[in-house]
Amino acid sequence: MTETVPAPRYTTYVPLEDLAPAPGNPKKHEIERIIESICTHGFVDQPIADERTGTILGGHGRREALIEMQARGERLPDGLLLDNDGGWLVPVQRGWASRSDAEAKALNIKLNKIGADGGWQPRSLAAYLEDIVTADAELFDSLAIPGDELESLLRQVDPETLPGAVNEGQAPVLTLPDDSSHGLGGDDLLSPDDEGRPRLTTCPACGHAFTPGR
């Protein structure tokens, strides 16, 4: 019989006031957007504790958002618990300990930076956005994607390759290369006069077809 080894990471509920931030945490946060996300989706991303220092590494913005929500008298978010005195209990990932202050600071930066550095698969993201705006315009608005960022994305995606796309009744004639072989800003993206006609782009927010740059 195989012996089961306990997992070194576990979740425990900690009083909100006991979540100690890392000294000098360098990450900025858009607290109102975090609050909106928690109100809409519940508390779904646990802070990460450092057992050596007794502080949290990931989750500073969520901690600030919860403190502000509690101060405003907001209802208990889904995913949290109440203690016997009505205080908020936050799920925290425990079990990891840094070996030095330098390692703790390095992981703090990595937790905030690596995910953002990965970027997006343009066609997959455009398809997601189209699905979201079609199903729930308020959810789309809550993404708060800047207009120039959205325009940059749309310039890289042939609308005829998106699910359910229609270009004035014409059959699809263009094929976007696989996302895996062409990243954002790649040199092999379709040019405006491929196939002898301007490429049209469809805005996920309104469905309007337009030629980029005109």
N, C-alpha and C. Protein backbone atom coordinates (compact mmCIF):
# COMPACT_ATOMS: atom_id res chain seq x y z
N MET A 1 0.85 -1.20 0.00
CA MET A 1 0.00 0.00 0.00
C MET A 1 0.88 1.24 0.00
N THR A 2 0.56 2.19 -0.88
CA THR A 2 1.35 3.42 -0.99
C THR A 2 1.02 4.38 0.15
N GLU A 3 2.08 4.88 0.80
CA GLU A 3 1.89 5.83 1.89
C GLU A 3 1.53 7.21 1.35
N THR A 4 0.53 7.82 1.92
CA THR A 4 0.11 9.16 1.51
C THR A 4 0.89 10.21 2.29
N VAL A 5 1.54 11.09 1.54
CA VAL A 5 2.32 12.16 2.16
C VAL A 5 1.47 13.42 2.21
N PRO A 6 1.31 14.03 3.39
CA PRO A 6 0.50 15.25 3.49
C PRO A 6 1.05 16.35 2.58
N ALA A 7 0.16 17.10 1.94
CA ALA A 7 0.57 18.19 1.07
C ALA A 7 1.20 19.30 1.91
N PRO A 8 2.29 19.89 1.45
CA PRO A 8 2.96 20.94 2.22
C PRO A 8 2.22 22.27 2.18
N ARG A 9 1.23 22.42 1.31
CA ARG A 9 0.45 23.65 1.24
C ARG A 9 -0.97 23.37 1.71
N TYR A 10 -1.57 24.30 2.41
CA TYR A 10 -2.93 24.11 2.90
C TYR A 10 -3.60 25.47 3.03
N THR A 11 -4.92 25.43 3.13
CA THR A 11 -5.70 26.66 3.28
C THR A 11 -6.23 26.76 4.69
N THR A 12 -6.10 27.93 5.27
CA THR A 12 -6.70 28.19 6.58
C THR A 12 -7.35 29.57 6.55
N TYR A 13 -8.36 29.76 7.40
CA TYR A 13 -9.06 31.05 7.45
C TYR A 13 -8.46 31.91 8.56
N VAL A 14 -8.04 33.12 8.17
CA VAL A 14 -7.32 34.02 9.05
C VAL A 14 -8.13 35.31 9.20
N PRO A 15 -8.21 35.87 10.42
CA PRO A 15 -8.90 37.15 10.57
C PRO A 15 -8.27 38.22 9.67
N LEU A 16 -9.12 39.00 9.02
CA LEU A 16 -8.64 40.01 8.10
C LEU A 16 -7.62 40.94 8.75
N GLU A 17 -7.86 41.32 9.99
CA GLU A 17 -6.95 42.25 10.66
C GLU A 17 -5.60 41.60 10.97
N ASP A 18 -5.50 40.28 10.88
CA ASP A 18 -4.24 39.60 11.14
C ASP A 18 -3.40 39.39 9.89
N LEU A 19 -3.90 39.79 8.71
CA LEU A 19 -3.12 39.67 7.48
C LEU A 19 -2.10 40.80 7.45
N ALA A 20 -0.85 40.46 7.72
CA ALA A 20 0.21 41.48 7.77
C ALA A 20 0.85 41.63 6.40
N PRO A 21 0.87 42.84 5.84
CA PRO A 21 1.49 43.05 4.52
C PRO A 21 3.00 42.98 4.61
N ALA A 22 3.64 42.62 3.49
CA ALA A 22 5.10 42.64 3.43
C ALA A 22 5.57 44.08 3.50
N PRO A 23 6.58 44.38 4.32
CA PRO A 23 7.09 45.76 4.41
C PRO A 23 7.58 46.27 3.06
N GLY A 24 7.13 47.46 2.69
CA GLY A 24 7.59 48.07 1.44
C GLY A 24 7.08 47.40 0.19
N ASN A 25 5.96 46.70 0.26
CA ASN A 25 5.43 46.04 -0.94
C ASN A 25 5.35 47.04 -2.09
N PRO A 26 5.98 46.73 -3.24
CA PRO A 26 6.09 47.73 -4.31
C PRO A 26 4.93 47.77 -5.30
N LYS A 27 3.99 46.84 -5.21
CA LYS A 27 2.94 46.74 -6.22
C LYS A 27 1.84 47.77 -5.97
N LYS A 28 1.48 48.49 -7.03
CA LYS A 28 0.33 49.37 -6.98
C LYS A 28 -0.94 48.56 -7.24
N HIS A 29 -2.08 49.07 -6.78
CA HIS A 29 -3.34 48.34 -6.96
C HIS A 29 -4.47 49.30 -7.33
N GLU A 30 -5.36 48.81 -8.18
CA GLU A 30 -6.59 49.54 -8.50
C GLU A 30 -7.68 48.99 -7.59
N ILE A 31 -7.78 49.55 -6.40
CA ILE A 31 -8.62 48.99 -5.35
C ILE A 31 -10.09 48.91 -5.77
N GLU A 32 -10.59 49.96 -6.44
CA GLU A 32 -12.00 49.95 -6.82
C GLU A 32 -12.30 48.81 -7.80
N ARG A 33 -11.37 48.53 -8.72
CA ARG A 33 -11.58 47.42 -9.65
C ARG A 33 -11.53 46.09 -8.92
N ILE A 34 -10.66 45.97 -7.92
CA ILE A 34 -10.60 44.73 -7.13
C ILE A 34 -11.91 44.55 -6.35
N ILE A 35 -12.40 45.64 -5.79
CA ILE A 35 -13.67 45.57 -5.05
C ILE A 35 -14.79 45.13 -5.98
N GLU A 36 -14.84 45.72 -7.17
CA GLU A 36 -15.88 45.34 -8.14
C GLU A 36 -15.79 43.86 -8.48
N SER A 37 -14.57 43.36 -8.66
CA SER A 37 -14.38 41.95 -9.00
C SER A 37 -14.84 41.04 -7.87
N ILE A 38 -14.50 41.40 -6.63
CA ILE A 38 -14.91 40.59 -5.49
C ILE A 38 -16.43 40.60 -5.34
N CYS A 39 -17.04 41.77 -5.53
CA CYS A 39 -18.50 41.86 -5.43
C CYS A 39 -19.18 41.02 -6.51
N THR A 40 -18.60 40.98 -7.69
CA THR A 40 -19.21 40.27 -8.82
C THR A 40 -18.97 38.77 -8.75
N HIS A 41 -17.73 38.37 -8.45
CA HIS A 41 -17.35 36.97 -8.56
C HIS A 41 -17.07 36.28 -7.23
N GLY A 42 -17.06 37.03 -6.14
CA GLY A 42 -16.65 36.46 -4.86
C GLY A 42 -15.14 36.52 -4.70
N PHE A 43 -14.67 36.04 -3.55
CA PHE A 43 -13.23 36.04 -3.25
C PHE A 43 -12.66 34.71 -3.73
N VAL A 44 -11.92 34.75 -4.84
CA VAL A 44 -11.51 33.50 -5.50
C VAL A 44 -10.00 33.31 -5.57
N ASP A 45 -9.21 34.28 -5.16
CA ASP A 45 -7.75 34.20 -5.29
C ASP A 45 -7.13 34.42 -3.92
N GLN A 46 -6.64 33.34 -3.32
CA GLN A 46 -6.17 33.41 -1.94
C GLN A 46 -4.83 34.14 -1.81
N PRO A 47 -4.67 34.97 -0.78
CA PRO A 47 -3.34 35.50 -0.46
C PRO A 47 -2.40 34.36 -0.08
N ILE A 48 -1.10 34.60 -0.24
CA ILE A 48 -0.09 33.59 0.07
C ILE A 48 0.73 34.08 1.26
N ALA A 49 0.82 33.25 2.29
CA ALA A 49 1.55 33.63 3.49
C ALA A 49 2.99 33.14 3.43
N ASP A 50 3.88 33.89 4.05
CA ASP A 50 5.27 33.48 4.24
C ASP A 50 5.41 33.08 5.71
N GLU A 51 5.61 31.79 5.97
CA GLU A 51 5.65 31.31 7.35
C GLU A 51 6.87 31.85 8.10
N ARG A 52 7.93 32.19 7.40
CA ARG A 52 9.13 32.69 8.08
C ARG A 52 8.92 34.09 8.63
N THR A 53 8.29 34.94 7.83
CA THR A 53 8.15 36.34 8.23
C THR A 53 6.79 36.64 8.87
N GLY A 54 5.82 35.77 8.66
CA GLY A 54 4.48 36.02 9.18
C GLY A 54 3.70 37.06 8.40
N THR A 55 4.18 37.39 7.19
CA THR A 55 3.49 38.35 6.34
C THR A 55 2.94 37.65 5.10
N ILE A 56 2.14 38.38 4.32
CA ILE A 56 1.67 37.83 3.05
C ILE A 56 2.57 38.31 1.93
N LEU A 57 2.68 37.50 0.89
CA LEU A 57 3.45 37.86 -0.30
C LEU A 57 2.51 38.28 -1.41
N GLY A 58 1.64 37.36 -1.88
CA GLY A 58 0.61 37.72 -2.83
C GLY A 58 -0.67 38.06 -2.10
N GLY A 59 -1.41 39.06 -2.59
CA GLY A 59 -2.71 39.36 -2.02
C GLY A 59 -2.83 40.70 -1.32
N HIS A 60 -1.84 41.59 -1.52
CA HIS A 60 -1.91 42.89 -0.85
C HIS A 60 -3.10 43.72 -1.33
N GLY A 61 -3.35 43.71 -2.64
CA GLY A 61 -4.48 44.46 -3.17
C GLY A 61 -5.80 43.92 -2.68
N ARG A 62 -5.92 42.60 -2.62
CA ARG A 62 -7.15 42.00 -2.12
C ARG A 62 -7.35 42.31 -0.64
N ARG A 63 -6.26 42.32 0.11
CA ARG A 63 -6.34 42.69 1.53
C ARG A 63 -6.86 44.12 1.67
N GLU A 64 -6.28 45.06 0.92
CA GLU A 64 -6.73 46.46 0.99
C GLU A 64 -8.19 46.59 0.58
N ALA A 65 -8.57 45.84 -0.47
CA ALA A 65 -9.95 45.92 -0.95
C ALA A 65 -10.92 45.42 0.12
N LEU A 66 -10.59 44.32 0.78
CA LEU A 66 -11.47 43.78 1.82
C LEU A 66 -11.58 44.73 3.00
N ILE A 67 -10.46 45.36 3.38
CA ILE A 67 -10.50 46.32 4.48
C ILE A 67 -11.42 47.49 4.13
N GLU A 68 -11.32 47.97 2.89
CA GLU A 68 -12.18 49.07 2.46
C GLU A 68 -13.64 48.64 2.40
N MET A 69 -13.90 47.44 1.90
CA MET A 69 -15.28 46.94 1.83
C MET A 69 -15.89 46.82 3.21
N GLN A 70 -15.11 46.31 4.16
CA GLN A 70 -15.61 46.17 5.53
C GLN A 70 -15.89 47.54 6.14
N ALA A 71 -15.00 48.52 5.88
CA ALA A 71 -15.20 49.87 6.40
C ALA A 71 -16.46 50.52 5.83
N ARG A 72 -16.80 50.17 4.59
CA ARG A 72 -18.00 50.73 3.95
C ARG A 72 -19.28 50.02 4.38
N GLY A 73 -19.13 48.95 5.15
CA GLY A 73 -20.30 48.21 5.58
C GLY A 73 -20.85 47.27 4.53
N GLU A 74 -20.00 46.88 3.57
CA GLU A 74 -20.43 45.94 2.52
C GLU A 74 -20.75 44.58 3.15
N ARG A 75 -21.57 43.82 2.45
CA ARG A 75 -21.90 42.48 2.94
C ARG A 75 -20.68 41.57 2.82
N LEU A 76 -20.68 40.50 3.59
CA LEU A 76 -19.57 39.54 3.55
C LEU A 76 -19.45 38.94 2.17
N PRO A 77 -18.28 39.05 1.53
CA PRO A 77 -18.13 38.49 0.19
C PRO A 77 -18.21 36.96 0.21
N ASP A 78 -18.71 36.41 -0.87
CA ASP A 78 -18.71 34.96 -1.03
C ASP A 78 -17.27 34.46 -0.99
N GLY A 79 -17.02 33.40 -0.22
CA GLY A 79 -15.67 32.86 -0.09
C GLY A 79 -15.02 33.17 1.25
N LEU A 80 -15.56 34.16 1.98
CA LEU A 80 -15.08 34.47 3.32
C LEU A 80 -16.03 33.87 4.36
N LEU A 81 -15.59 33.82 5.61
CA LEU A 81 -16.40 33.35 6.72
C LEU A 81 -16.47 34.43 7.78
N LEU A 82 -17.44 34.30 8.69
CA LEU A 82 -17.56 35.20 9.83
C LEU A 82 -17.11 34.49 11.10
N ASP A 83 -16.36 35.21 11.96
CA ASP A 83 -16.03 34.62 13.25
C ASP A 83 -17.17 34.90 14.23
N ASN A 84 -17.00 34.47 15.47
CA ASN A 84 -18.08 34.61 16.46
C ASN A 84 -18.41 36.05 16.79
N ASP A 85 -17.46 36.96 16.52
CA ASP A 85 -17.69 38.38 16.81
C ASP A 85 -18.08 39.18 15.56
N GLY A 86 -18.33 38.47 14.45
CA GLY A 86 -18.72 39.16 13.23
C GLY A 86 -17.55 39.63 12.38
N GLY A 87 -16.32 39.27 12.74
CA GLY A 87 -15.16 39.65 11.94
C GLY A 87 -15.03 38.79 10.69
N TRP A 88 -14.35 39.32 9.71
CA TRP A 88 -14.18 38.60 8.44
C TRP A 88 -12.98 37.67 8.51
N LEU A 89 -13.18 36.43 8.10
CA LEU A 89 -12.11 35.43 8.03
C LEU A 89 -11.77 35.17 6.57
N VAL A 90 -10.50 35.31 6.23
CA VAL A 90 -10.04 35.25 4.85
C VAL A 90 -9.29 33.94 4.60
N PRO A 91 -9.61 33.22 3.50
CA PRO A 91 -8.83 32.02 3.19
C PRO A 91 -7.44 32.39 2.71
N VAL A 92 -6.42 31.78 3.31
CA VAL A 92 -5.03 32.08 3.01
C VAL A 92 -4.28 30.79 2.73
N GLN A 93 -3.43 30.80 1.70
CA GLN A 93 -2.57 29.65 1.44
C GLN A 93 -1.40 29.68 2.41
N ARG A 94 -1.23 28.58 3.14
CA ARG A 94 -0.15 28.48 4.13
C ARG A 94 0.80 27.35 3.75
N GLY A 95 1.95 27.33 4.41
CA GLY A 95 2.88 26.23 4.25
C GLY A 95 4.17 26.56 3.53
N TRP A 96 4.27 27.76 2.93
CA TRP A 96 5.51 28.14 2.24
C TRP A 96 6.29 29.08 3.13
N ALA A 97 7.61 28.88 3.18
CA ALA A 97 8.47 29.75 3.98
C ALA A 97 9.67 30.17 3.15
N SER A 98 9.96 31.45 3.15
CA SER A 98 11.14 31.96 2.44
C SER A 98 12.40 31.59 3.22
N ARG A 99 13.52 31.54 2.50
CA ARG A 99 14.81 31.25 3.14
C ARG A 99 15.55 32.52 3.50
N SER A 100 15.12 33.64 2.94
CA SER A 100 15.78 34.91 3.22
C SER A 100 14.85 36.04 2.82
N ASP A 101 15.17 37.25 3.25
CA ASP A 101 14.39 38.42 2.85
C ASP A 101 14.46 38.61 1.34
N ALA A 102 15.64 38.35 0.76
CA ALA A 102 15.80 38.52 -0.68
C ALA A 102 14.89 37.57 -1.44
N GLU A 103 14.77 36.31 -0.98
CA GLU A 103 13.90 35.38 -1.67
C GLU A 103 12.44 35.80 -1.55
N ALA A 104 12.06 36.27 -0.37
CA ALA A 104 10.68 36.73 -0.17
C ALA A 104 10.35 37.88 -1.12
N LYS A 105 11.27 38.82 -1.28
CA LYS A 105 11.04 39.95 -2.17
C LYS A 105 11.00 39.51 -3.63
N ALA A 106 11.85 38.54 -3.99
CA ALA A 106 11.86 38.04 -5.36
C ALA A 106 10.54 37.37 -5.70
N LEU A 107 10.01 36.54 -4.78
CA LEU A 107 8.75 35.88 -5.04
C LEU A 107 7.60 36.88 -5.08
N ASN A 108 7.65 37.88 -4.24
CA ASN A 108 6.64 38.93 -4.27
C ASN A 108 6.54 39.55 -5.67
N ILE A 109 7.69 39.87 -6.25
CA ILE A 109 7.71 40.46 -7.59
C ILE A 109 7.22 39.46 -8.63
N LYS A 110 7.68 38.21 -8.55
CA LYS A 110 7.29 37.20 -9.53
C LYS A 110 5.79 36.94 -9.52
N LEU A 111 5.19 36.89 -8.33
CA LEU A 111 3.76 36.64 -8.24
C LEU A 111 2.95 37.71 -8.96
N ASN A 112 3.48 38.93 -8.99
CA ASN A 112 2.77 40.03 -9.64
C ASN A 112 3.15 40.21 -11.10
N LYS A 113 4.34 39.75 -11.51
CA LYS A 113 4.89 40.10 -12.81
C LYS A 113 4.77 39.01 -13.86
N ILE A 114 5.00 37.75 -13.49
CA ILE A 114 5.10 36.69 -14.49
C ILE A 114 3.81 36.53 -15.29
N GLY A 115 2.67 36.54 -14.61
CA GLY A 115 1.40 36.37 -15.32
C GLY A 115 1.16 37.47 -16.33
N ALA A 116 1.46 38.71 -15.96
CA ALA A 116 1.25 39.84 -16.87
C ALA A 116 2.21 39.79 -18.04
N ASP A 117 3.43 39.30 -17.81
CA ASP A 117 4.44 39.26 -18.87
C ASP A 117 4.08 38.29 -19.99
N GLY A 118 3.23 37.33 -19.70
CA GLY A 118 2.91 36.31 -20.70
C GLY A 118 2.13 36.85 -21.89
N GLY A 119 1.42 37.96 -21.71
CA GLY A 119 0.63 38.52 -22.81
C GLY A 119 -0.61 37.68 -23.09
N TRP A 120 -1.16 37.85 -24.31
CA TRP A 120 -2.40 37.18 -24.69
C TRP A 120 -2.26 36.52 -26.05
N GLN A 121 -3.05 35.49 -26.29
CA GLN A 121 -3.22 34.93 -27.61
C GLN A 121 -4.31 35.77 -28.29
N PRO A 122 -3.97 36.57 -29.30
CA PRO A 122 -4.92 37.56 -29.83
C PRO A 122 -6.26 36.98 -30.25
N ARG A 123 -6.26 35.91 -31.06
CA ARG A 123 -7.53 35.40 -31.57
C ARG A 123 -8.38 34.81 -30.45
N SER A 124 -7.75 34.07 -29.53
CA SER A 124 -8.50 33.49 -28.41
C SER A 124 -9.09 34.57 -27.53
N LEU A 125 -8.31 35.63 -27.27
CA LEU A 125 -8.81 36.72 -26.44
C LEU A 125 -9.96 37.43 -27.13
N ALA A 126 -9.84 37.69 -28.43
CA ALA A 126 -10.92 38.35 -29.15
C ALA A 126 -12.20 37.53 -29.12
N ALA A 127 -12.07 36.20 -29.27
CA ALA A 127 -13.24 35.33 -29.21
C ALA A 127 -13.88 35.37 -27.82
N TYR A 128 -13.04 35.37 -26.77
CA TYR A 128 -13.56 35.48 -25.40
C TYR A 128 -14.33 36.79 -25.23
N LEU A 129 -13.72 37.90 -25.69
CA LEU A 129 -14.37 39.20 -25.53
C LEU A 129 -15.70 39.26 -26.26
N GLU A 130 -15.74 38.66 -27.45
CA GLU A 130 -16.98 38.66 -28.21
C GLU A 130 -18.07 37.86 -27.49
N ASP A 131 -17.69 36.73 -26.90
CA ASP A 131 -18.64 35.93 -26.14
C ASP A 131 -19.16 36.70 -24.92
N ILE A 132 -18.24 37.40 -24.23
CA ILE A 132 -18.63 38.12 -23.02
C ILE A 132 -19.56 39.28 -23.34
N VAL A 133 -19.20 40.09 -24.36
CA VAL A 133 -20.02 41.26 -24.65
C VAL A 133 -21.38 40.86 -25.20
N THR A 134 -21.45 39.73 -25.88
CA THR A 134 -22.73 39.24 -26.38
C THR A 134 -23.63 38.77 -25.25
N ALA A 135 -23.03 38.12 -24.25
CA ALA A 135 -23.81 37.56 -23.15
C ALA A 135 -24.14 38.58 -22.07
N ASP A 136 -23.20 39.50 -21.78
CA ASP A 136 -23.40 40.42 -20.66
C ASP A 136 -22.53 41.65 -20.88
N ALA A 137 -23.12 42.73 -21.36
CA ALA A 137 -22.37 43.95 -21.65
C ALA A 137 -21.74 44.55 -20.40
N GLU A 138 -22.40 44.42 -19.25
CA GLU A 138 -21.84 44.96 -18.01
C GLU A 138 -20.57 44.23 -17.62
N LEU A 139 -20.55 42.91 -17.81
CA LEU A 139 -19.33 42.16 -17.53
C LEU A 139 -18.20 42.60 -18.44
N PHE A 140 -18.52 42.86 -19.71
CA PHE A 140 -17.50 43.34 -20.64
C PHE A 140 -16.95 44.68 -20.17
N ASP A 141 -17.84 45.59 -19.76
CA ASP A 141 -17.40 46.90 -19.29
C ASP A 141 -16.51 46.77 -18.06
N SER A 142 -16.79 45.76 -17.21
CA SER A 142 -16.02 45.60 -15.98
C SER A 142 -14.57 45.20 -16.25
N LEU A 143 -14.28 44.72 -17.46
CA LEU A 143 -12.91 44.37 -17.82
C LEU A 143 -12.04 45.62 -17.95
N ALA A 144 -12.68 46.75 -18.25
CA ALA A 144 -11.98 48.05 -18.33
C ALA A 144 -10.75 47.99 -19.23
N ILE A 145 -10.91 47.42 -20.41
CA ILE A 145 -9.80 47.35 -21.36
C ILE A 145 -9.66 48.71 -22.05
N PRO A 146 -8.48 49.34 -21.99
CA PRO A 146 -8.31 50.65 -22.63
C PRO A 146 -8.58 50.57 -24.13
N GLY A 147 -9.11 51.65 -24.69
CA GLY A 147 -9.47 51.66 -26.11
C GLY A 147 -8.30 51.38 -27.03
N ASP A 148 -7.13 51.94 -26.71
CA ASP A 148 -5.98 51.72 -27.60
C ASP A 148 -5.51 50.27 -27.53
N GLU A 149 -5.64 49.64 -26.36
CA GLU A 149 -5.27 48.23 -26.23
C GLU A 149 -6.23 47.34 -27.02
N LEU A 150 -7.53 47.67 -26.96
CA LEU A 150 -8.51 46.90 -27.70
C LEU A 150 -8.29 47.06 -29.21
N GLU A 151 -7.99 48.28 -29.64
CA GLU A 151 -7.75 48.52 -31.06
C GLU A 151 -6.51 47.76 -31.54
N SER A 152 -5.47 47.74 -30.71
CA SER A 152 -4.25 47.00 -31.06
C SER A 152 -4.55 45.52 -31.22
N LEU A 153 -5.38 44.99 -30.35
CA LEU A 153 -5.77 43.58 -30.45
C LEU A 153 -6.54 43.31 -31.74
N LEU A 154 -7.52 44.18 -32.05
CA LEU A 154 -8.37 43.96 -33.20
C LEU A 154 -7.59 44.04 -34.51
N ARG A 155 -6.52 44.80 -34.53
CA ARG A 155 -5.70 44.90 -35.75
C ARG A 155 -5.01 43.58 -36.07
N GLN A 156 -4.89 42.70 -35.11
CA GLN A 156 -4.17 41.45 -35.30
C GLN A 156 -5.08 40.26 -35.58
N VAL A 157 -6.38 40.47 -35.56
CA VAL A 157 -7.32 39.35 -35.67
C VAL A 157 -8.24 39.55 -36.85
N ASP A 158 -8.27 38.58 -37.75
CA ASP A 158 -9.22 38.60 -38.86
C ASP A 158 -10.59 38.22 -38.31
N PRO A 159 -11.58 39.12 -38.37
CA PRO A 159 -12.89 38.82 -37.78
C PRO A 159 -13.55 37.60 -38.40
N GLU A 160 -13.20 37.26 -39.64
CA GLU A 160 -13.85 36.12 -40.28
C GLU A 160 -13.43 34.79 -39.66
N THR A 161 -12.37 34.80 -38.86
CA THR A 161 -11.95 33.57 -38.21
C THR A 161 -12.59 33.39 -36.84
N LEU A 162 -13.28 34.41 -36.34
CA LEU A 162 -13.92 34.30 -35.04
C LEU A 162 -15.23 33.53 -35.16
N PRO A 163 -15.61 32.78 -34.12
CA PRO A 163 -16.86 32.01 -34.16
C PRO A 163 -18.06 32.89 -34.41
N GLY A 164 -18.88 32.53 -35.41
CA GLY A 164 -20.11 33.25 -35.70
C GLY A 164 -19.93 34.55 -36.43
N ALA A 165 -18.73 34.87 -36.89
CA ALA A 165 -18.50 36.15 -37.56
C ALA A 165 -19.09 36.14 -38.96
N VAL A 166 -19.62 37.31 -39.36
CA VAL A 166 -20.19 37.46 -40.70
C VAL A 166 -19.66 38.77 -41.28
N ASN A 167 -19.12 38.73 -42.50
CA ASN A 167 -18.60 39.92 -43.15
C ASN A 167 -19.45 40.25 -44.36
N GLU A 168 -20.53 40.98 -44.11
CA GLU A 168 -21.45 41.42 -45.16
C GLU A 168 -21.89 40.26 -46.06
N GLY A 169 -22.12 39.11 -45.47
CA GLY A 169 -22.64 37.97 -46.20
C GLY A 169 -21.63 37.21 -47.03
N GLN A 170 -20.37 37.63 -47.03
CA GLN A 170 -19.35 36.94 -47.82
C GLN A 170 -18.81 35.74 -47.07
N ALA A 171 -18.44 34.71 -47.82
CA ALA A 171 -17.85 33.52 -47.21
C ALA A 171 -16.44 33.84 -46.74
N PRO A 172 -15.98 33.23 -45.63
CA PRO A 172 -14.63 33.49 -45.16
C PRO A 172 -13.59 33.12 -46.20
N VAL A 173 -12.61 34.01 -46.40
CA VAL A 173 -11.56 33.71 -47.38
C VAL A 173 -10.16 33.86 -46.79
N LEU A 174 -10.06 34.38 -45.55
CA LEU A 174 -8.75 34.55 -44.93
C LEU A 174 -8.56 33.55 -43.80
N THR A 175 -7.33 33.19 -43.54
CA THR A 175 -7.01 32.29 -42.44
C THR A 175 -5.92 32.91 -41.60
N LEU A 176 -6.19 33.07 -40.30
CA LEU A 176 -5.19 33.62 -39.40
C LEU A 176 -4.24 32.51 -38.99
N PRO A 177 -2.92 32.74 -39.04
CA PRO A 177 -1.98 31.73 -38.59
C PRO A 177 -2.22 31.37 -37.14
N ASP A 178 -1.78 30.18 -36.73
CA ASP A 178 -1.96 29.72 -35.36
C ASP A 178 -1.33 30.70 -34.39
N ASP A 179 -2.03 30.92 -33.25
CA ASP A 179 -1.49 31.82 -32.24
C ASP A 179 -0.14 31.34 -31.73
N SER A 180 0.06 30.01 -31.71
CA SER A 180 1.29 29.48 -31.14
C SER A 180 2.52 29.87 -31.94
N SER A 181 2.35 30.18 -33.22
CA SER A 181 3.51 30.50 -34.04
C SER A 181 3.64 31.97 -34.34
N HIS A 182 2.64 32.79 -33.95
CA HIS A 182 2.70 34.23 -34.25
C HIS A 182 2.20 34.99 -33.04
N GLY A 183 3.08 35.67 -32.34
CA GLY A 183 2.69 36.40 -31.15
C GLY A 183 2.22 37.79 -31.48
N LEU A 184 1.96 38.54 -30.43
CA LEU A 184 1.54 39.92 -30.60
C LEU A 184 2.62 40.70 -31.33
N GLY A 185 2.21 41.46 -32.35
CA GLY A 185 3.15 42.28 -33.07
C GLY A 185 4.05 41.52 -34.00
N GLY A 186 3.69 40.27 -34.35
CA GLY A 186 4.53 39.45 -35.21
C GLY A 186 4.60 40.00 -36.62
N ASP A 187 5.62 39.55 -37.38
CA ASP A 187 5.82 40.05 -38.74
C ASP A 187 4.93 39.36 -39.77
N ASP A 188 4.31 38.22 -39.39
CA ASP A 188 3.57 37.45 -40.37
C ASP A 188 2.08 37.67 -40.29
N LEU A 189 1.64 38.73 -39.64
CA LEU A 189 0.21 39.02 -39.57
C LEU A 189 -0.28 39.44 -40.95
N LEU A 190 -1.58 39.27 -41.20
CA LEU A 190 -2.16 39.59 -42.49
C LEU A 190 -2.02 41.07 -42.80
N SER A 191 -1.64 41.40 -43.99
CA SER A 191 -1.53 42.79 -44.41
C SER A 191 -2.86 43.26 -44.98
N PRO A 192 -3.08 44.59 -45.04
CA PRO A 192 -4.37 45.11 -45.49
C PRO A 192 -4.76 44.64 -46.88
N ASP A 193 -3.81 44.33 -47.79
CA ASP A 193 -4.22 43.96 -49.13
C ASP A 193 -4.01 42.47 -49.43
N ASP A 194 -3.92 41.62 -48.39
CA ASP A 194 -3.92 40.18 -48.63
C ASP A 194 -5.22 39.80 -49.34
N GLU A 195 -5.13 38.87 -50.25
CA GLU A 195 -6.28 38.41 -51.03
C GLU A 195 -6.88 39.54 -51.87
N GLY A 196 -6.18 40.65 -52.06
CA GLY A 196 -6.62 41.70 -52.96
C GLY A 196 -7.71 42.59 -52.44
N ARG A 197 -7.93 42.63 -51.12
CA ARG A 197 -8.97 43.51 -50.58
C ARG A 197 -8.58 43.93 -49.17
N PRO A 198 -9.13 45.06 -48.70
CA PRO A 198 -8.83 45.49 -47.34
C PRO A 198 -9.33 44.47 -46.32
N ARG A 199 -8.58 44.30 -45.25
CA ARG A 199 -9.02 43.42 -44.19
C ARG A 199 -9.95 44.18 -43.25
N LEU A 200 -11.10 43.63 -42.95
CA LEU A 200 -12.05 44.25 -42.03
C LEU A 200 -11.85 43.66 -40.64
N THR A 201 -12.06 44.51 -39.64
CA THR A 201 -11.98 44.10 -38.25
C THR A 201 -13.32 44.35 -37.59
N THR A 202 -13.76 43.44 -36.75
CA THR A 202 -15.03 43.58 -36.05
C THR A 202 -14.78 43.94 -34.60
N CYS A 203 -15.39 45.00 -34.14
CA CYS A 203 -15.26 45.42 -32.74
C CYS A 203 -16.11 44.50 -31.87
N PRO A 204 -15.51 43.82 -30.86
CA PRO A 204 -16.30 42.97 -29.99
C PRO A 204 -17.36 43.73 -29.22
N ALA A 205 -17.15 45.03 -29.00
CA ALA A 205 -18.10 45.80 -28.17
C ALA A 205 -19.39 46.12 -28.91
N CYS A 206 -19.33 46.32 -30.24
CA CYS A 206 -20.53 46.75 -30.94
C CYS A 206 -20.82 45.95 -32.21
N GLY A 207 -19.89 45.12 -32.65
CA GLY A 207 -20.10 44.33 -33.85
C GLY A 207 -19.84 45.08 -35.14
N HIS A 208 -19.40 46.34 -35.06
CA HIS A 208 -19.16 47.15 -36.24
C HIS A 208 -17.91 46.67 -36.97
N ALA A 209 -17.98 46.49 -38.28
CA ALA A 209 -16.85 46.09 -39.08
C ALA A 209 -16.18 47.32 -39.65
N PHE A 210 -14.84 47.40 -39.52
CA PHE A 210 -14.12 48.55 -40.04
C PHE A 210 -12.75 48.11 -40.52
N THR A 211 -12.14 48.98 -41.34
CA THR A 211 -10.78 48.74 -41.80
C THR A 211 -9.82 49.49 -40.90
N PRO A 212 -8.91 48.81 -40.19
CA PRO A 212 -8.00 49.49 -39.27
C PRO A 212 -7.20 50.58 -39.97
N GLY A 213 -7.05 51.70 -39.29
CA GLY A 213 -6.22 52.79 -39.80
C GLY A 213 -6.97 53.77 -40.66
N ARG A 214 -8.29 53.57 -40.86
CA ARG A 214 -9.07 54.50 -41.69
C ARG A 214 -10.07 55.25 -40.85
